[in-house]
Amino acid sequence: MSALKKAPSPNPGNLMPASLADRQLDHIERMVRSVVRTYPAGPVHGMDQEYWESRLRALMDESDLVAVQQHRAQRLLQDLAKRARPNALKQTAA
């Protein structure tokens, strides 16, 4: 009904198969890596770290990821965290 309703938490029996998660993980990985490579320093218009983190965490929570996929997702979260640190330092210094 409402888009504001929170989806029920998935239980292990309702997780999306790892094979279906690959497409989403590939997309997120390409987007994050592309933006980080293109704009290695400073904020990027349209690159909201929280958005990509939430996409990754949702994928991890809703999918039955295999070890390689889990590693890729964790690595992307680390890349996002590294990118956010310099921005946070600049904001607190001002």
Protein backbone atom coordinates (compact mmCIF):
# COMPACT_ATOMS: atom_id res chain seq x y z
CA MET A 1 0.00 0.00 0.00
CA SER A 2 2.22 2.76 1.27
CA ALA A 3 5.79 3.19 0.14
CA LEU A 4 6.63 4.23 3.69
CA LYS A 5 5.82 0.83 5.14
CA LYS A 6 8.94 -1.05 6.11
CA ALA A 7 9.35 -4.43 4.50
CA PRO A 8 9.34 -7.34 6.93
CA SER A 9 12.75 -8.57 7.98
CA PRO A 10 13.74 -11.53 5.88
CA ASN A 11 14.24 -14.85 7.59
CA PRO A 12 16.81 -17.34 6.28
CA GLY A 13 14.15 -19.12 4.22
CA ASN A 14 13.20 -15.94 2.37
CA LEU A 15 16.64 -14.79 1.30
CA MET A 16 17.29 -14.04 -2.35
CA PRO A 17 19.63 -16.58 -3.96
CA ALA A 18 23.24 -15.51 -4.44
CA SER A 19 22.92 -15.93 -8.20
CA LEU A 20 20.28 -13.17 -8.30
CA ALA A 21 22.31 -10.89 -6.03
CA ASP A 22 25.24 -10.86 -8.44
CA ARG A 23 23.58 -8.39 -10.81
CA GLN A 24 22.91 -5.90 -8.01
CA LEU A 25 26.37 -6.33 -6.53
CA ASP A 26 27.96 -5.83 -9.95
CA HIS A 27 26.01 -2.60 -10.46
CA ILE A 28 26.85 -1.17 -7.04
CA GLU A 29 30.49 -2.15 -7.45
CA ARG A 30 30.73 -0.49 -10.88
CA MET A 31 29.08 2.71 -9.67
CA VAL A 32 31.14 3.07 -6.51
CA ARG A 33 34.43 2.21 -8.20
CA SER A 34 33.70 4.50 -11.14
CA VAL A 35 32.97 7.49 -8.96
CA VAL A 36 35.95 6.85 -6.68
CA ARG A 37 38.25 6.47 -9.68
CA THR A 38 36.89 9.52 -11.50
CA TYR A 39 36.77 11.77 -8.43
CA PRO A 40 39.51 10.49 -6.09
CA ALA A 41 39.25 13.41 -3.68
CA GLY A 42 36.46 15.61 -2.47
CA PRO A 43 32.70 15.34 -2.52
CA VAL A 44 30.93 14.20 -5.64
CA HIS A 45 27.59 15.64 -6.67
CA GLY A 46 25.07 12.82 -6.72
CA MET A 47 27.30 10.40 -4.79
CA ASP A 48 25.54 10.00 -1.49
CA GLN A 49 27.58 7.64 0.67
CA GLU A 50 24.59 6.77 2.84
CA TYR A 51 22.58 5.73 -0.21
CA TRP A 52 25.24 3.30 -1.45
CA GLU A 53 25.86 1.96 2.05
CA SER A 54 22.15 1.33 2.51
CA ARG A 55 21.97 -0.44 -0.87
CA LEU A 56 24.90 -2.66 0.09
CA ARG A 57 23.54 -3.42 3.56
CA ALA A 58 20.11 -4.25 2.15
CA LEU A 59 21.70 -6.57 -0.38
CA MET A 60 23.70 -8.26 2.37
CA ASP A 61 20.63 -8.59 4.62
CA GLU A 62 18.23 -9.79 1.94
CA SER A 63 20.48 -12.18 0.01
CA ASP A 64 22.10 -15.50 0.72
CA LEU A 65 25.52 -14.26 -0.37
CA VAL A 66 28.41 -16.65 -0.83
CA ALA A 67 31.80 -15.82 0.73
CA VAL A 68 33.16 -14.11 -2.38
CA GLN A 69 30.11 -11.85 -2.62
CA GLN A 70 30.29 -11.03 1.09
CA HIS A 71 33.94 -10.07 0.65
CA ARG A 72 33.12 -7.82 -2.32
CA ALA A 73 30.36 -6.08 -0.36
CA GLN A 74 32.60 -5.56 2.67
CA ARG A 75 35.37 -4.18 0.47
CA LEU A 76 32.94 -1.70 -1.09
CA LEU A 77 31.76 -0.60 2.36
CA GLN A 78 35.40 -0.02 3.31
CA ASP A 79 35.99 2.00 0.14
CA LEU A 80 32.99 4.18 0.93
CA ALA A 81 34.15 4.67 4.52
CA LYS A 82 37.65 5.70 3.36
CA ARG A 83 36.14 8.18 0.95
CA ALA A 84 33.89 9.69 3.63
CA ARG A 85 36.64 10.27 6.20
CA PRO A 86 38.40 13.19 4.42
CA ASN A 87 35.02 14.87 3.82
CA ALA A 88 34.07 14.50 7.49
CA LEU A 89 37.38 16.00 8.58
CA LYS A 90 36.91 19.01 6.30
CA GLN A 91 33.39 19.61 7.62
CA THR A 92 34.46 19.50 11.28
CA ALA A 93 37.44 21.79 10.68
CA ALA A 94 35.26 24.54 9.22
